[in-house]
Amino acid sequence: MQLREQARCTIAASASALGLLALALVPASSGAAVVTFGSDLTATANVAEARQADTAYWQATFADGRSPVAPVAGRITSFRVKGIALSSPVAGVRGGETDFHLQALRARPDGTLQILRTSQNFNVPSRGADPQTITTYAPENFCVDAGDVLAFNTVGGWDGIAAGNGAYPNGTPLQIFSAVAGAAVADFTGADKTNNGDVVTPSTLRGQNHELLMQLSVGTGPDAGPCASATAGTPPPATAPPPPPPAAPAAPAAPAAPAVQLARLGRQGVTVSSKGRFTVSLLCRSGPARCVGTLRASTRRARPTVLGSRRFDIAAGRTGRVTVTLNASARRGFAGARGRLAVRLVAVTRPGGADRTSTLDVTLRRRGR
């Protein structure tokens, strides 16, 4: 389905030379500093963009030619976003979601970028707030290296209505951009294709003469916290481990427990509503601050077909309920199977890997059977 423009671009006046400084150094204690980069937030939030599926937006070029990437290695202490989401989401009802994450990407020689890491979940102010609202967010131990690209990653927010006559046929309109001549915003859209480790190909088809109104602050020195290392992208251990004593080879260590665990459902299966939605429970095991990732339903074939997916964000030691909406082809297959469909549920907690994945085979059943 082709996506429609949510707002027409209007050319804004260029910001003053003082407002377009590439870096702003704020001295801190013990010789540390906080470096601010990205948008100076002086432009008006007057352009909205919407995508049906997961999308990462990042500044490709600024009007004054300054670099849009992280200028130094350290920790993102905070970032600010100007604007709102032109939606009024309803809890438990798909469409219009305001969820987003901060992501760090690294450019590759072939022009693509690889997603390195993702923050916890945040939300943009929804309809009714001042469109020029500036909101400050504080990611947890978000490390960056000099040259990293920082992206605003939205969950999309499509309402799931294939006919296109729902409230959000193109996803959540995000009025967090400004029409600025000479600037360009790159983006990539792909359902469940903006996870850590994924490689993305940027597009600027709808981002010409746009500025992403996101400003970031990176702490260096003592302000870098756990990111104060030669390689900022990987927090160092608190202390260097002592050298191991001479000994016979140890037995292989047991694999780490999954960060999330799908609840065992027994023989009753999972019931699907008339709108193609079903809900399962996920337990976030103790250890990480939160379990953030994606729950995916697919066929059980050797080459599985994705039937639907949903992101989750669950506090450590808590159980969360995640609702997945079957896509159009899955709903047709479900109807053709007379209301019974064997699927495989896979919950992957970022950054993923065998020890952070939980899998469960279930049978979807029509509610009431």
Protein backbone atom coordinates (compact mmCIF):
# COMPACT_ATOMS: atom_id res chain seq x y z
CA MET A 1 0.00 0.00 0.00
CA GLN A 2 1.35 3.35 -0.94
CA LEU A 3 1.73 5.82 1.93
CA ARG A 4 0.24 9.29 1.65
CA GLU A 5 1.78 12.58 2.76
CA GLN A 6 0.31 13.67 6.10
CA ALA A 7 1.19 17.36 5.71
CA ARG A 8 2.40 19.64 2.95
CA CYS A 9 5.89 21.05 3.30
CA THR A 10 6.14 24.82 3.72
CA ILE A 11 9.56 26.37 3.38
CA ALA A 12 10.67 27.81 6.71
CA ALA A 13 13.08 30.69 7.08
CA SER A 14 16.70 29.70 7.59
CA ALA A 15 17.87 29.75 11.19
CA SER A 16 20.40 32.33 12.24
CA ALA A 17 24.10 31.56 11.98
CA LEU A 18 24.37 31.45 15.75
CA GLY A 19 21.60 28.84 15.93
CA LEU A 20 23.34 26.56 13.46
CA LEU A 21 26.49 25.81 15.43
CA ALA A 22 27.51 22.21 14.93
CA LEU A 23 28.55 21.62 18.55
CA ALA A 24 27.79 23.22 21.91
CA LEU A 25 30.28 22.36 24.66
CA VAL A 26 29.02 22.68 28.22
CA PRO A 27 31.88 22.28 30.74
CA ALA A 28 31.24 19.79 33.54
CA SER A 29 33.11 18.74 36.62
CA SER A 30 36.50 17.03 36.50
CA GLY A 31 37.20 18.19 32.97
CA ALA A 32 34.17 16.38 31.51
CA ALA A 33 31.91 17.97 28.92
CA VAL A 34 28.49 17.49 27.38
CA VAL A 35 28.48 17.96 23.61
CA THR A 36 25.19 18.87 21.94
CA PHE A 37 24.54 18.06 18.29
CA GLY A 38 21.66 17.59 15.88
CA SER A 39 18.87 20.13 15.36
CA ASP A 40 19.02 23.43 17.25
CA LEU A 41 15.19 23.15 17.57
CA THR A 42 14.61 26.73 16.40
CA ALA A 43 12.65 25.68 13.29
CA THR A 44 8.87 25.24 13.51
CA ALA A 45 7.45 21.72 13.65
CA ASN A 46 5.24 22.08 10.58
CA VAL A 47 5.70 18.82 8.62
CA ALA A 48 4.21 15.45 9.53
CA GLU A 49 5.36 12.08 8.21
CA ALA A 50 3.68 8.70 8.67
CA ARG A 51 4.65 5.13 7.86
CA GLN A 52 2.59 1.98 8.36
CA ALA A 53 5.47 -0.17 9.65
CA ASP A 54 8.63 0.19 11.76
CA THR A 55 10.61 3.18 10.45
CA ALA A 56 13.92 4.81 11.37
CA TYR A 57 14.40 8.52 10.55
CA TRP A 58 17.75 10.31 10.77
CA GLN A 59 19.25 13.58 9.54
CA ALA A 60 21.27 13.01 6.38
CA THR A 61 22.35 16.63 5.77
CA PHE A 62 21.84 20.00 7.44
CA ALA A 63 21.18 23.18 5.47
CA ASP A 64 24.47 24.74 6.60
CA GLY A 65 26.54 21.68 5.69
CA ARG A 66 27.54 20.69 9.23
CA SER A 67 27.89 17.03 10.13
CA PRO A 68 24.76 15.32 11.48
CA VAL A 69 26.61 12.40 13.13
CA ALA A 70 27.86 12.00 16.71
CA PRO A 71 30.94 14.25 17.03
CA VAL A 72 32.57 12.36 19.94
CA ALA A 73 32.41 9.03 21.74
CA GLY A 74 30.51 8.85 25.00
CA ARG A 75 27.04 8.40 26.48
CA ILE A 76 23.82 10.03 25.29
CA THR A 77 22.84 11.75 28.52
CA SER A 78 19.58 13.09 27.08
CA PHE A 79 17.88 14.07 23.85
CA ARG A 80 15.04 16.43 22.96
CA VAL A 81 12.33 16.17 20.31
CA LYS A 82 10.15 19.05 19.14
CA GLY A 83 6.61 18.30 18.01
CA ILE A 84 3.74 15.89 18.63
CA ALA A 85 1.97 12.87 17.15
CA LEU A 86 -1.24 13.79 15.32
CA SER A 87 -3.11 10.88 16.87
CA SER A 88 -5.14 9.97 19.92
CA PRO A 89 -4.22 6.35 20.67
CA VAL A 90 -6.62 4.16 22.65
CA ALA A 91 -5.23 1.54 25.02
CA GLY A 92 -5.73 -1.95 23.61
CA VAL A 93 -6.84 -0.65 20.19
CA ARG A 94 -4.36 -0.87 17.35
CA GLY A 95 -3.41 2.27 15.43
CA GLY A 96 -2.09 5.71 16.27
CA GLU A 97 0.59 4.45 18.66
CA THR A 98 3.09 7.10 19.77
CA ASP A 99 5.85 4.64 20.78
CA PHE A 100 9.39 5.22 19.55
CA HIS A 101 13.02 4.34 20.36
CA LEU A 102 16.38 6.05 19.91
CA GLN A 103 18.78 4.05 17.76
CA ALA A 104 22.48 4.24 16.88
CA LEU A 105 23.50 3.23 13.34
CA ARG A 106 26.86 2.94 11.64
CA ALA A 107 27.51 3.66 7.96
CA ARG A 108 28.96 0.88 5.82
CA PRO A 109 31.20 1.27 2.72
CA ASP A 110 28.36 0.24 0.36
CA GLY A 111 26.09 3.08 1.50
CA THR A 112 23.93 0.97 3.82
CA LEU A 113 23.83 1.34 7.60
CA GLN A 114 23.78 -1.25 10.37
CA ILE A 115 21.66 -0.78 13.50
CA LEU A 116 23.95 -1.06 16.52
CA ARG A 117 21.74 -0.53 19.55
CA THR A 118 18.26 0.57 20.62
CA SER A 119 17.04 2.47 23.68
CA GLN A 120 14.11 1.69 25.91
CA ASN A 121 10.62 2.70 24.82
CA PHE A 122 9.53 6.37 24.76
CA ASN A 123 6.36 8.21 23.67
CA VAL A 124 5.77 11.38 21.66
CA PRO A 125 3.07 13.74 23.07
CA SER A 126 -0.24 12.98 21.37
CA ARG A 127 -2.86 15.20 19.72
CA GLY A 128 -4.03 18.02 21.97
CA ALA A 129 -0.55 19.05 23.15
CA ASP A 130 1.09 22.20 21.80
CA PRO A 131 2.52 21.25 18.36
CA GLN A 132 5.73 23.09 19.28
CA THR A 133 6.23 21.15 22.52
CA ILE A 134 9.85 20.20 23.24
CA THR A 135 10.12 16.94 25.21
CA THR A 136 13.29 15.73 26.91
CA TYR A 137 14.12 12.02 27.15
CA ALA A 138 16.85 10.18 29.09
CA PRO A 139 18.03 6.85 27.60
CA GLU A 140 19.69 4.27 29.85
CA ASN A 141 23.45 3.84 29.32
CA PHE A 142 23.16 4.57 25.59
CA CYS A 143 26.76 4.51 24.29
CA VAL A 144 27.90 5.99 20.98
CA ASP A 145 31.12 6.30 19.02
CA ALA A 146 32.21 9.32 17.01
CA GLY A 147 30.60 9.04 13.57
CA ASP A 148 27.53 7.07 14.71
CA VAL A 149 24.20 8.06 13.15
CA LEU A 150 21.39 8.68 15.66
CA ALA A 151 17.88 7.79 14.51
CA PHE A 152 14.30 8.25 15.69
CA ASN A 153 12.64 4.83 15.32
CA THR A 154 8.82 4.67 15.27
CA VAL A 155 6.65 1.54 15.50
CA GLY A 156 4.57 2.81 12.56
CA GLY A 157 1.11 2.92 14.06
CA TRP A 158 -1.01 1.53 11.19
CA ASP A 159 -4.53 0.61 12.32
CA GLY A 160 -4.43 -2.74 10.50
CA ILE A 161 -7.46 -1.97 8.31
CA ALA A 162 -6.52 -3.17 4.83
CA ALA A 163 -9.33 -1.19 3.18
CA GLY A 164 -7.58 2.03 4.14
CA ASN A 165 -10.69 3.63 5.63
CA GLY A 166 -9.61 3.47 9.26
CA ALA A 167 -8.39 6.25 11.51
CA TYR A 168 -4.69 5.72 10.68
CA PRO A 169 -4.41 4.15 7.20
CA ASN A 170 -0.79 5.29 6.80
CA GLY A 171 0.32 4.94 10.41
CA THR A 172 0.80 7.58 13.09
CA PRO A 173 1.45 11.07 11.64
CA LEU A 174 4.49 12.45 13.47
CA GLN A 175 4.75 16.26 13.29
CA ILE A 176 8.40 16.32 14.38
CA PHE A 177 9.88 17.70 11.15
CA SER A 178 10.33 21.17 9.71
CA ALA A 179 10.47 22.37 6.12
CA VAL A 180 14.05 23.67 5.80
CA ALA A 181 15.53 24.29 2.35
CA GLY A 182 18.78 22.42 1.79
CA ALA A 183 18.29 19.91 4.62
CA ALA A 184 17.45 16.24 4.08
CA VAL A 185 16.11 13.45 6.29
CA ALA A 186 16.83 9.81 5.41
CA ASP A 187 14.57 6.96 6.44
CA PHE A 188 14.07 3.22 6.18
CA THR A 189 10.77 1.33 6.58
CA GLY A 190 10.34 -2.41 7.13
CA ALA A 191 8.06 -4.44 9.38
CA ASP A 192 10.28 -6.05 12.04
CA LYS A 193 13.36 -5.04 10.01
CA THR A 194 14.75 -2.31 12.26
CA ASN A 195 16.14 -4.51 15.03
CA ASN A 196 19.70 -4.52 16.36
CA GLY A 197 22.05 -5.99 13.77
CA ASP A 198 19.74 -5.30 10.82
CA VAL A 199 21.25 -3.58 7.77
CA VAL A 200 19.11 -0.83 6.23
CA THR A 201 19.22 1.07 2.92
CA PRO A 202 18.35 4.76 3.34
CA SER A 203 15.83 6.66 1.25
CA THR A 204 15.28 10.43 1.11
CA LEU A 205 12.38 10.40 -1.37
CA ARG A 206 10.03 12.19 1.04
CA GLY A 207 12.70 13.77 3.20
CA GLN A 208 14.12 16.43 0.88
CA ASN A 209 14.17 19.93 2.42
CA HIS A 210 13.25 18.50 5.82
CA GLU A 211 14.89 18.76 9.22
CA LEU A 212 14.29 16.17 11.95
CA LEU A 213 13.72 18.22 15.09
CA MET A 214 15.82 16.07 17.41
CA GLN A 215 18.73 17.38 19.47
CA LEU A 216 21.12 15.09 21.35
CA SER A 217 23.62 15.56 24.18
CA VAL A 218 26.56 13.19 24.60
CA GLY A 219 28.59 13.12 27.81
CA THR A 220 32.36 12.60 27.71
CA GLY A 221 34.94 11.90 30.41
CA PRO A 222 33.29 11.26 33.79
CA ASP A 223 29.94 12.22 32.26
CA ALA A 224 30.23 9.23 29.92
CA GLY A 225 29.50 6.88 32.83
CA PRO A 226 29.81 3.22 31.79
CA CYS A 227 30.55 4.36 28.22
CA ALA A 228 33.91 5.91 29.20
CA SER A 229 36.14 3.47 27.32
CA ALA A 230 38.25 3.34 24.19
CA THR A 231 35.26 1.84 22.40
CA ALA A 232 32.24 3.78 23.60
CA GLY A 233 29.78 1.48 21.90
CA THR A 234 30.57 -1.31 24.39
CA PRO A 235 30.41 -0.43 28.11
CA PRO A 236 33.52 -1.73 29.91
CA PRO A 237 33.37 -4.13 32.87
CA ALA A 238 33.55 -2.53 36.32
CA THR A 239 36.91 -4.17 37.00
CA ALA A 240 39.29 -6.16 34.86
CA PRO A 241 38.96 -9.90 35.61
CA PRO A 242 42.06 -11.54 37.14
CA PRO A 243 43.99 -14.00 34.98
CA PRO A 244 42.66 -17.56 35.41
CA PRO A 245 44.84 -19.99 37.39
CA PRO A 246 46.27 -23.01 35.59
CA ALA A 247 43.62 -25.70 35.59
CA ALA A 248 42.05 -28.41 33.53
CA PRO A 249 39.56 -27.20 30.92
CA ALA A 250 36.27 -26.36 32.57
CA ALA A 251 33.01 -27.95 31.54
CA PRO A 252 31.00 -25.87 29.07
CA ALA A 253 28.85 -23.30 30.81
CA ALA A 254 25.09 -23.72 30.69
CA PRO A 255 23.37 -21.38 28.24
CA ALA A 256 21.99 -18.20 29.73
CA ALA A 257 18.27 -18.14 30.47
CA PRO A 258 16.14 -16.32 27.91
CA ALA A 259 15.51 -12.68 28.72
CA VAL A 260 11.80 -13.38 28.16
CA GLN A 261 9.84 -16.60 28.48
CA LEU A 262 6.61 -17.38 26.65
CA ALA A 263 4.03 -18.75 29.08
CA ARG A 264 3.16 -22.41 28.46
CA LEU A 265 -0.40 -22.59 27.24
CA GLY A 266 -1.22 -26.29 27.46
CA ARG A 267 -3.69 -27.83 25.07
CA GLN A 268 -6.20 -25.01 25.03
CA GLY A 269 -4.22 -23.09 22.38
CA VAL A 270 -4.73 -19.37 21.80
CA THR A 271 -8.04 -17.80 20.84
CA VAL A 272 -8.28 -15.29 18.00
CA SER A 273 -10.87 -12.50 17.94
CA SER A 274 -13.05 -11.62 14.97
CA LYS A 275 -10.54 -8.87 14.15
CA GLY A 276 -7.65 -11.34 13.94
CA ARG A 277 -6.06 -10.50 17.30
CA PHE A 278 -4.70 -12.84 19.95
CA THR A 279 -2.89 -12.23 23.22
CA VAL A 280 -0.10 -14.19 24.92
CA SER A 281 1.85 -13.65 28.13
CA LEU A 282 5.59 -12.98 28.35
CA LEU A 283 7.65 -13.24 31.52
CA CYS A 284 10.65 -10.90 31.71
CA ARG A 285 13.23 -12.75 33.78
CA SER A 286 15.24 -10.98 36.45
CA GLY A 287 18.52 -9.43 35.33
CA PRO A 288 18.15 -6.78 32.63
CA ALA A 289 16.49 -3.47 33.47
CA ARG A 290 13.70 -4.23 30.99
CA CYS A 291 12.93 -6.77 28.27
CA VAL A 292 12.49 -4.92 24.97
CA GLY A 293 12.05 -6.84 21.74
CA THR A 294 9.61 -8.37 19.25
CA LEU A 295 7.07 -11.18 19.45
CA ARG A 296 6.55 -12.80 16.05
CA ALA A 297 4.00 -15.39 14.88
CA SER A 298 4.95 -17.47 11.83
CA THR A 299 4.22 -20.76 10.10
CA ARG A 300 6.10 -23.87 11.20
CA ARG A 301 7.58 -24.60 7.79
CA ALA A 302 11.31 -24.90 7.05
CA ARG A 303 11.04 -21.46 5.44
CA PRO A 304 8.52 -19.76 7.76
CA THR A 305 6.14 -17.02 6.70
CA VAL A 306 5.54 -14.20 9.18
CA LEU A 307 1.86 -13.98 10.12
CA GLY A 308 2.06 -11.00 12.47
CA SER A 309 4.37 -9.31 14.98
CA ARG A 310 4.32 -6.85 17.86
CA ARG A 311 6.98 -5.16 19.95
CA PHE A 312 7.09 -5.56 23.71
CA ASP A 313 8.60 -3.62 26.61
CA ILE A 314 8.28 -5.39 29.98
CA ALA A 315 9.86 -4.59 33.34
CA ALA A 316 12.29 -7.12 34.84
CA GLY A 317 10.62 -9.80 36.91
CA ARG A 318 7.14 -8.93 35.56
CA THR A 319 4.73 -10.64 33.19
CA GLY A 320 3.33 -8.66 30.29
CA ARG A 321 0.49 -9.43 27.90
CA VAL A 322 1.30 -8.85 24.23
CA THR A 323 -1.42 -8.61 21.56
CA VAL A 324 -0.54 -9.60 17.99
CA THR A 325 -2.75 -8.82 14.99
CA LEU A 326 -2.65 -11.35 12.15
CA ASN A 327 -1.87 -9.83 8.75
CA ALA A 328 -4.32 -10.11 5.86
CA SER A 329 -2.83 -13.29 4.37
CA ALA A 330 -2.75 -14.94 7.80
CA ARG A 331 -6.41 -14.13 8.39
CA ARG A 332 -7.29 -15.70 5.05
CA GLY A 333 -5.31 -18.81 5.95
CA PHE A 334 -6.98 -18.94 9.35
CA ALA A 335 -10.43 -18.77 7.74
CA GLY A 336 -9.47 -21.44 5.18
CA ALA A 337 -8.30 -23.72 7.98
CA ARG A 338 -11.76 -23.47 9.59
CA GLY A 339 -10.58 -21.54 12.54
CA ARG A 340 -7.57 -23.66 13.54
CA LEU A 341 -4.03 -22.71 12.55
CA ALA A 342 -0.73 -24.14 13.83
CA VAL A 343 1.84 -21.38 14.38
CA ARG A 344 5.21 -20.83 16.02
CA LEU A 345 5.61 -17.92 18.43
CA VAL A 346 9.12 -16.48 18.70
CA ALA A 347 9.96 -13.79 21.28
CA VAL A 348 13.34 -12.13 20.67
CA THR A 349 14.78 -9.76 23.26
CA ARG A 350 17.32 -7.30 21.91
CA PRO A 351 20.14 -7.67 21.11
CA GLY A 352 18.88 -11.15 20.23
CA GLY A 353 20.84 -14.39 19.95
CA ALA A 354 20.10 -17.96 20.92
CA ASP A 355 20.16 -17.21 24.65
CA ARG A 356 17.68 -14.33 24.32
CA THR A 357 15.00 -16.09 22.26
CA SER A 358 11.95 -18.01 23.50
CA THR A 359 9.95 -20.22 21.11
CA LEU A 360 6.56 -21.88 21.59
CA ASP A 361 4.38 -23.87 19.15
CA VAL A 362 0.65 -23.26 19.61
CA THR A 363 -2.60 -23.72 17.73
CA LEU A 364 -4.64 -20.61 17.05
CA ARG A 365 -8.37 -21.21 17.47
CA ARG A 366 -11.36 -19.06 16.61
CA ARG A 367 -12.77 -17.52 19.79
CA GLY A 368 -15.79 -19.50 20.98
CA ARG A 369 -14.60 -22.88 19.64
